[in-house]
Amino acid sequence: MREIKVRLDGVTEEQYADIVNAIWMQMKAIDCDFTVTPDRHAVPAQLDKRWDEYSNVSWQAGGRRGTPQAIAAGVGRSGIKKRADADE
């Protein structure tokens, strides 16, 4: 068993929740056996709430042009394909 310890100073509760959730997402993405154990100050309901807030990104709301964030940035699916074809 291997272990990594991350110590944080000066982060808000929201930042902490983002970091914990990001670590969990990354570990899930590489498909290995793992646990993520928040510190004793963490409130599980707050971590879950922050996780739920990520669902504001919606492919459906953006339609075939992508997420609302991509649309706002002016990056549609066709623009991505054109750039990929141009090897940018």
Protein backbone atom coordinates (compact mmCIF):
# COMPACT_ATOMS: atom_id res chain seq x y z
CA MET A 1 0.00 0.00 0.00
CA ARG A 2 1.31 3.47 -0.93
CA GLU A 3 0.17 6.77 0.61
CA ILE A 4 0.32 10.44 -0.32
CA LYS A 5 -0.30 13.18 2.23
CA VAL A 6 -1.34 16.66 1.08
CA ARG A 7 -1.17 19.52 3.59
CA LEU A 8 -3.03 22.73 2.81
CA ASP A 9 -2.76 26.15 4.39
CA GLY A 10 -5.06 29.09 3.89
CA VAL A 11 -7.74 27.45 1.74
CA THR A 12 -11.44 28.19 2.06
CA GLU A 13 -13.95 25.45 2.77
CA GLU A 14 -15.04 25.61 -0.88
CA GLN A 15 -11.44 25.29 -2.10
CA TYR A 16 -10.90 22.36 0.25
CA ALA A 17 -14.00 20.65 -1.11
CA ASP A 18 -12.80 21.26 -4.67
CA ILE A 19 -9.40 19.76 -3.88
CA VAL A 20 -10.84 16.68 -2.16
CA ASN A 21 -13.29 16.13 -5.02
CA ALA A 22 -10.59 16.68 -7.67
CA ILE A 23 -8.33 14.11 -6.03
CA TRP A 24 -11.22 11.64 -5.92
CA MET A 25 -12.09 12.30 -9.59
CA GLN A 26 -8.48 11.83 -10.69
CA MET A 27 -8.12 8.57 -8.80
CA LYS A 28 -11.41 7.31 -10.23
CA ALA A 29 -10.24 8.24 -13.74
CA ILE A 30 -7.14 6.05 -13.52
CA ASP A 31 -9.18 3.14 -12.19
CA CYS A 32 -7.20 1.90 -9.24
CA ASP A 33 -8.12 0.78 -5.74
CA PHE A 34 -8.04 3.86 -3.51
CA THR A 35 -9.54 5.78 -0.63
CA VAL A 36 -9.67 9.52 -0.12
CA THR A 37 -10.02 10.45 3.54
CA PRO A 38 -10.90 14.09 4.29
CA ASP A 39 -9.54 15.59 7.50
CA ARG A 40 -11.47 15.68 10.77
CA HIS A 41 -12.70 19.23 10.07
CA ALA A 42 -14.45 18.30 6.83
CA VAL A 43 -18.23 18.13 6.76
CA PRO A 44 -19.33 15.35 4.39
CA ALA A 45 -22.53 17.21 3.48
CA GLN A 46 -20.47 20.23 2.37
CA LEU A 47 -18.21 18.03 0.24
CA ASP A 48 -21.29 16.44 -1.35
CA LYS A 49 -22.91 19.84 -1.92
CA ARG A 50 -19.84 21.11 -3.74
CA TRP A 51 -19.77 17.93 -5.82
CA ASP A 52 -23.42 18.50 -6.77
CA GLU A 53 -22.60 22.05 -7.88
CA TYR A 54 -20.31 20.67 -10.61
CA SER A 55 -23.42 19.42 -12.41
CA ASN A 56 -24.14 22.99 -13.53
CA VAL A 57 -22.04 22.13 -16.59
CA SER A 58 -24.53 20.82 -19.12
CA TRP A 59 -24.02 19.46 -22.60
CA GLN A 60 -27.79 19.56 -23.05
CA ALA A 61 -28.02 23.27 -22.21
CA GLY A 62 -25.30 23.98 -24.73
CA GLY A 63 -26.92 21.77 -27.36
CA ARG A 64 -24.66 20.46 -30.08
CA ARG A 65 -22.34 23.42 -29.64
CA GLY A 66 -20.97 22.10 -26.34
CA THR A 67 -21.19 23.31 -22.78
CA PRO A 68 -22.31 26.85 -21.93
CA GLN A 69 -18.71 27.52 -20.87
CA ALA A 70 -17.37 26.45 -24.27
CA ILE A 71 -19.99 28.53 -26.07
CA ALA A 72 -19.08 31.58 -23.99
CA ALA A 73 -15.43 31.04 -24.85
CA GLY A 74 -16.32 30.85 -28.53
CA VAL A 75 -15.18 27.26 -28.85
CA GLY A 76 -17.75 25.16 -30.66
CA ARG A 77 -17.33 21.57 -31.69
CA SER A 78 -16.58 22.55 -35.28
CA GLY A 79 -13.90 25.00 -34.12
CA ILE A 80 -12.20 22.28 -32.12
CA LYS A 81 -12.27 19.94 -35.13
CA LYS A 82 -10.93 22.64 -37.46
CA ARG A 83 -8.05 23.37 -35.08
CA ALA A 84 -7.31 19.67 -34.68
CA ASP A 85 -7.29 19.22 -38.46
CA ALA A 86 -4.93 22.20 -38.76
CA ASP A 87 -2.68 20.56 -36.17
CA GLU A 88 -2.87 23.55 -33.80
